Amino acid sequence: MKKILPLLAVLLLCGCNAQRTMLYHPSSHMPSPAALAADRIQFWPSGGSGYRGFIGTAPIAAVKGTIVVFHGNAGNAADRAYYVNPLSVLGYRVVLAEYPGYGARAGKPGEASFVSDALETVRLAYERYGKPVYLLGESLGCGVAAAVAGNKPSLIDGILLITPWDTLLSVAQEKFPWLPVRLIVSDAYDSVGNLKAYQGRIAVVGAENDRVIPIHHARALYDALPGRKRMWTIKGAGHNDWLDAVDLVWWREIIGFAAGSNGGEAAGDRAV
């Protein structure tokens, strides 16, 4: 036993480091003023060291609410400017939240720091703009969005989860069945648990050919959700190319459901 315990300690230490290396791929690249203008975004809530992400600058005729976007594990928030145009056209203010340790933000990547920071970002968005506030998660960002909704459900009026998982552990066990991942994975991102009491509307979007987070994880999450929900499957799409297969009509449909403006409770696939 005395020999086994040090080996377990080394395994756990190496495993935690490996989790950070495999899960988080931050970029410190920051957009130039010209790039910000071209992408129709600006620092939010202010520039310099006080920024927490970016806000869309595309004109909105009549603002219907604020959508806070939590991005995937790679790059940074500025890389997700592609959300701004379609969501702005549909009448929504878009805040692209940045994570600690990403872009020029201080801190270290990890579930605890991400969720704590995300809660503050959502609180600030609510204070500045009022309701309604919606969350949009992409990949790992779905886990962050789910945790925020689980912690502060009264602030959140609807959620959109694109290529989500049910739990990080279930994905890790599937990808590394020969490893004791339950001992190694320190970040849970348990979206099933975090959303178990959330009664607001949730739109779940899976990519049919997703090989990073296979779509059955999105379906498992959807099946576990207790509230008003609907699921879309993007036919023929993968984890990183789903955006090429959707259009403004599609965005209107999923935003409409999450916002409660087009009804519908049953799951359904959209072939595009």
Protein backbone atom coordinates (compact mmCIF):
# COMPACT_ATOMS: atom_id res chain seq x y z
CA MET A 1 0.00 0.00 0.00
CA LYS A 2 2.85 2.42 0.82
CA LYS A 3 4.22 1.97 -2.69
CA ILE A 4 0.83 2.27 -4.37
CA LEU A 5 -0.14 5.59 -2.78
CA PRO A 6 2.78 7.58 -4.27
CA LEU A 7 2.04 6.04 -7.67
CA LEU A 8 -1.59 7.11 -7.39
CA ALA A 9 -0.51 10.62 -6.39
CA VAL A 10 1.75 10.86 -9.43
CA LEU A 11 -1.05 9.54 -11.67
CA LEU A 12 -3.50 12.09 -10.33
CA LEU A 13 -1.02 14.94 -10.68
CA CYS A 14 -0.08 13.98 -14.21
CA GLY A 15 -3.72 13.39 -15.04
CA CYS A 16 -4.78 16.86 -13.90
CA ASN A 17 -2.00 18.43 -15.94
CA ALA A 18 -2.96 16.30 -18.92
CA GLN A 19 -6.61 17.36 -18.54
CA ARG A 20 -5.64 21.02 -18.67
CA THR A 21 -3.42 20.42 -21.70
CA MET A 22 -6.04 18.43 -23.61
CA LEU A 23 -9.11 20.44 -22.64
CA TYR A 24 -7.99 24.06 -22.79
CA HIS A 25 -6.39 25.63 -25.86
CA PRO A 26 -6.41 29.38 -25.25
CA SER A 27 -5.18 31.95 -27.74
CA SER A 28 -3.61 35.20 -26.54
CA HIS A 29 -4.01 36.85 -29.94
CA MET A 30 -5.94 40.11 -29.73
CA PRO A 31 -7.72 41.73 -32.68
CA SER A 32 -6.47 45.00 -34.11
CA PRO A 33 -8.76 48.05 -34.25
CA ALA A 34 -9.31 47.32 -37.94
CA ALA A 35 -10.26 43.71 -37.19
CA LEU A 36 -12.65 44.82 -34.45
CA ALA A 37 -14.37 47.18 -36.87
CA ALA A 38 -14.55 44.57 -39.61
CA ASP A 39 -16.03 42.00 -37.24
CA ARG A 40 -18.44 44.56 -35.74
CA ILE A 41 -17.33 44.04 -32.16
CA GLN A 42 -15.72 46.13 -29.45
CA PHE A 43 -14.29 45.47 -26.01
CA TRP A 44 -16.85 45.00 -23.24
CA PRO A 45 -17.62 46.42 -20.75
CA SER A 46 -14.52 48.56 -21.37
CA GLY A 47 -11.12 48.32 -23.01
CA GLY A 48 -7.75 47.64 -21.43
CA SER A 49 -7.37 45.29 -18.49
CA GLY A 50 -11.04 45.70 -17.53
CA TYR A 51 -12.47 43.90 -20.53
CA ARG A 52 -14.51 40.72 -20.02
CA GLY A 53 -15.15 40.01 -23.68
CA PHE A 54 -16.66 41.78 -26.66
CA ILE A 55 -20.02 43.23 -27.61
CA GLY A 56 -21.51 43.39 -31.07
CA THR A 57 -21.70 46.81 -32.71
CA ALA A 58 -24.00 45.85 -35.59
CA PRO A 59 -27.07 48.12 -35.61
CA ILE A 60 -30.24 46.70 -34.05
CA ALA A 61 -33.57 48.26 -34.93
CA ALA A 62 -35.40 47.15 -31.78
CA VAL A 63 -33.50 45.22 -29.11
CA LYS A 64 -35.36 42.13 -27.91
CA GLY A 65 -32.83 41.07 -25.31
CA THR A 66 -29.20 40.20 -24.61
CA ILE A 67 -27.48 36.94 -25.56
CA VAL A 68 -24.28 36.11 -23.66
CA VAL A 69 -22.13 33.68 -25.65
CA PHE A 70 -19.73 31.23 -23.99
CA HIS A 71 -17.34 29.84 -26.57
CA GLY A 72 -15.57 26.51 -27.00
CA ASN A 73 -12.22 25.43 -25.60
CA ALA A 74 -9.94 26.83 -28.32
CA GLY A 75 -9.05 30.32 -29.53
CA ASN A 76 -10.76 33.20 -27.77
CA ALA A 77 -13.99 35.19 -27.75
CA ALA A 78 -13.00 37.45 -30.65
CA ASP A 79 -12.93 34.37 -32.89
CA ARG A 80 -16.70 34.02 -32.36
CA ALA A 81 -17.70 37.27 -34.02
CA TYR A 82 -19.71 35.11 -36.44
CA TYR A 83 -22.55 35.12 -33.91
CA VAL A 84 -22.97 38.89 -34.09
CA ASN A 85 -24.52 39.40 -37.52
CA PRO A 86 -27.33 36.79 -37.46
CA LEU A 87 -28.28 37.47 -33.85
CA SER A 88 -28.20 41.24 -34.34
CA VAL A 89 -30.39 40.97 -37.44
CA LEU A 90 -32.89 39.08 -35.29
CA GLY A 91 -32.88 41.86 -32.70
CA TYR A 92 -30.47 40.66 -30.01
CA ARG A 93 -27.57 42.38 -28.32
CA VAL A 94 -24.60 39.98 -28.35
CA VAL A 95 -21.94 39.75 -25.62
CA LEU A 96 -19.05 37.38 -26.41
CA ALA A 97 -17.79 36.40 -22.96
CA GLU A 98 -14.07 35.76 -22.52
CA TYR A 99 -12.59 33.22 -20.11
CA PRO A 100 -9.79 33.77 -17.58
CA GLY A 101 -6.49 32.85 -19.21
CA TYR A 102 -7.82 33.48 -22.71
CA GLY A 103 -7.12 36.51 -24.89
CA ALA A 104 -5.47 39.14 -22.70
CA ARG A 105 -7.38 38.17 -19.56
CA ALA A 106 -5.49 37.15 -16.45
CA GLY A 107 -6.15 33.87 -14.69
CA LYS A 108 -5.90 30.16 -15.30
CA PRO A 109 -8.32 28.01 -17.29
CA GLY A 110 -10.51 25.69 -15.26
CA GLU A 111 -14.12 25.03 -14.41
CA ALA A 112 -14.12 26.90 -11.10
CA SER A 113 -12.55 30.05 -12.55
CA PHE A 114 -14.68 29.92 -15.71
CA VAL A 115 -17.98 29.55 -13.87
CA SER A 116 -17.19 32.16 -11.23
CA ASP A 117 -16.17 34.62 -13.93
CA ALA A 118 -19.17 33.79 -16.11
CA LEU A 119 -21.55 34.47 -13.24
CA GLU A 120 -20.02 37.92 -12.85
CA THR A 121 -20.26 38.58 -16.59
CA VAL A 122 -23.93 37.63 -16.64
CA ARG A 123 -24.60 39.74 -13.56
CA LEU A 124 -23.02 42.76 -15.25
CA ALA A 125 -25.01 42.16 -18.44
CA TYR A 126 -28.21 41.98 -16.41
CA GLU A 127 -27.34 45.16 -14.49
CA ARG A 128 -26.55 47.11 -17.65
CA TYR A 129 -29.28 45.90 -19.96
CA GLY A 130 -31.96 44.27 -17.83
CA LYS A 131 -34.07 41.36 -18.93
CA PRO A 132 -34.40 39.24 -20.93
CA VAL A 133 -30.95 37.61 -20.78
CA TYR A 134 -30.26 34.46 -22.77
CA LEU A 135 -27.22 32.19 -22.73
CA LEU A 136 -25.64 30.59 -25.78
CA GLY A 137 -23.06 27.87 -25.19
CA GLU A 138 -20.81 26.33 -27.80
CA SER A 139 -19.10 22.98 -27.03
CA LEU A 140 -17.28 23.47 -23.70
CA GLY A 141 -19.16 26.75 -23.35
CA CYS A 142 -22.36 24.70 -22.96
CA GLY A 143 -20.94 23.39 -19.70
CA VAL A 144 -20.25 26.95 -18.54
CA ALA A 145 -23.71 28.15 -19.59
CA ALA A 146 -25.37 25.22 -17.81
CA ALA A 147 -23.48 25.99 -14.60
CA VAL A 148 -24.49 29.66 -14.75
CA ALA A 149 -28.15 28.75 -15.29
CA GLY A 150 -27.99 26.24 -12.45
CA ASN A 151 -26.55 28.86 -10.09
CA LYS A 152 -28.70 31.84 -11.11
CA PRO A 153 -31.82 30.50 -12.86
CA SER A 154 -33.83 33.65 -12.10
CA LEU A 155 -31.50 35.74 -14.27
CA ILE A 156 -31.72 33.49 -17.32
CA ASP A 157 -34.71 33.59 -19.67
CA GLY A 158 -33.63 30.87 -22.10
CA ILE A 159 -30.62 28.81 -23.17
CA LEU A 160 -29.17 27.63 -26.48
CA LEU A 161 -26.67 24.76 -26.31
CA ILE A 162 -24.75 23.97 -29.50
CA THR A 163 -22.81 20.65 -29.70
CA PRO A 164 -23.04 20.06 -25.94
CA TRP A 165 -22.14 17.09 -23.78
CA ASP A 166 -24.08 15.60 -20.90
CA THR A 167 -21.04 15.45 -18.59
CA LEU A 168 -17.33 15.84 -19.27
CA LEU A 169 -16.74 12.55 -17.49
CA SER A 170 -18.96 10.61 -19.88
CA VAL A 171 -17.07 12.02 -22.87
CA ALA A 172 -13.70 11.27 -21.28
CA GLN A 173 -14.70 7.70 -20.40
CA GLU A 174 -15.78 7.12 -23.97
CA LYS A 175 -12.57 8.50 -25.46
CA PHE A 176 -10.17 6.91 -22.95
CA PRO A 177 -11.84 3.68 -21.76
CA TRP A 178 -8.50 2.23 -20.62
CA LEU A 179 -7.77 5.07 -18.17
CA PRO A 180 -9.18 5.66 -14.67
CA VAL A 181 -10.64 8.95 -15.88
CA ARG A 182 -12.89 9.30 -12.85
CA LEU A 183 -9.73 9.83 -10.79
CA ILE A 184 -8.02 12.02 -13.36
CA VAL A 185 -10.74 14.41 -14.57
CA SER A 186 -10.92 17.21 -12.03
CA ASP A 187 -13.37 19.44 -13.92
CA ALA A 188 -16.89 18.01 -13.96
CA TYR A 189 -18.91 20.28 -16.27
CA ASP A 190 -21.94 18.21 -15.34
CA SER A 191 -24.60 19.84 -17.49
CA VAL A 192 -27.19 17.21 -16.55
CA GLY A 193 -26.75 17.97 -12.87
CA ASN A 194 -26.51 21.73 -13.33
CA LEU A 195 -29.72 21.92 -15.35
CA LYS A 196 -31.76 19.37 -13.39
CA ALA A 197 -33.87 22.07 -11.75
CA TYR A 198 -33.88 24.67 -14.52
CA GLN A 199 -37.42 25.20 -15.80
CA GLY A 200 -36.75 27.71 -18.55
CA ARG A 201 -36.62 26.98 -22.27
CA ILE A 202 -33.60 25.13 -23.61
CA ALA A 203 -32.74 24.64 -27.28
CA VAL A 204 -30.25 21.80 -27.83
CA VAL A 205 -28.37 21.56 -31.13
CA GLY A 206 -26.37 18.49 -32.16
CA ALA A 207 -24.19 17.93 -35.22
CA GLU A 208 -24.99 14.60 -36.86
CA ASN A 209 -21.37 13.72 -37.72
CA ASP A 210 -19.73 15.21 -34.64
CA ARG A 211 -16.59 13.19 -33.86
CA VAL A 212 -15.33 15.46 -31.09
CA ILE A 213 -18.46 15.24 -28.93
CA PRO A 214 -20.59 12.52 -30.55
CA ILE A 215 -24.21 13.54 -30.84
CA HIS A 216 -25.47 10.89 -28.43
CA HIS A 217 -24.07 13.07 -25.62
CA ALA A 218 -26.32 15.93 -26.76
CA ARG A 219 -29.26 13.52 -26.88
CA ALA A 220 -28.47 12.21 -23.38
CA LEU A 221 -28.47 15.77 -22.09
CA TYR A 222 -31.71 16.56 -23.88
CA ASP A 223 -33.42 13.47 -22.47
CA ALA A 224 -32.40 14.47 -18.93
CA LEU A 225 -33.67 18.06 -19.14
CA PRO A 226 -36.78 18.66 -17.01
CA GLY A 227 -38.19 21.84 -18.49
CA ARG A 228 -39.41 23.13 -21.84
CA LYS A 229 -37.02 21.85 -24.45
CA ARG A 230 -36.49 21.14 -28.11
CA MET A 231 -33.64 19.51 -30.00
CA TRP A 232 -32.33 20.13 -33.50
CA THR A 233 -29.92 17.90 -35.42
CA ILE A 234 -27.83 19.50 -38.16
CA LYS A 235 -27.66 16.82 -40.82
CA GLY A 236 -24.22 15.96 -42.22
CA ALA A 237 -22.42 18.50 -40.01
CA GLY A 238 -19.43 17.98 -37.76
CA HIS A 239 -18.27 19.65 -34.57
CA ASN A 240 -16.42 22.47 -36.29
CA ASP A 241 -18.32 23.00 -39.55
CA TRP A 242 -21.94 23.14 -38.37
CA LEU A 243 -22.02 26.90 -38.95
CA ASP A 244 -21.68 26.35 -42.71
CA ALA A 245 -24.93 24.37 -42.74
CA VAL A 246 -27.24 26.90 -41.07
CA ASP A 247 -28.96 30.08 -42.24
CA LEU A 248 -30.93 32.98 -40.81
CA VAL A 249 -34.16 30.97 -40.96
CA TRP A 250 -32.55 28.36 -38.72
CA TRP A 251 -31.31 30.99 -36.28
CA ARG A 252 -34.76 32.54 -36.13
CA GLU A 253 -36.25 29.13 -35.32
CA ILE A 254 -33.94 28.22 -32.45
CA ILE A 255 -33.83 31.73 -30.98
CA GLY A 256 -37.59 31.92 -31.30
CA PHE A 257 -37.98 28.75 -29.28
CA ALA A 258 -35.53 29.78 -26.57
CA ALA A 259 -37.24 33.17 -26.31
CA GLY A 260 -40.72 31.63 -26.31
CA SER A 261 -41.86 33.47 -29.42
CA ASN A 262 -42.61 30.50 -31.70
CA GLY A 263 -43.85 27.80 -29.30
CA GLY A 264 -43.26 24.10 -29.81
CA GLU A 265 -42.11 21.60 -27.22
CA ALA A 266 -41.33 18.44 -29.18
CA ALA A 267 -37.89 17.43 -30.38
CA GLY A 268 -37.30 17.73 -34.09
CA ASP A 269 -34.57 17.49 -36.69
CA ARG A 270 -33.80 20.16 -39.23
CA ALA A 271 -32.20 18.86 -42.41
CA VAL A 272 -30.00 21.51 -43.98
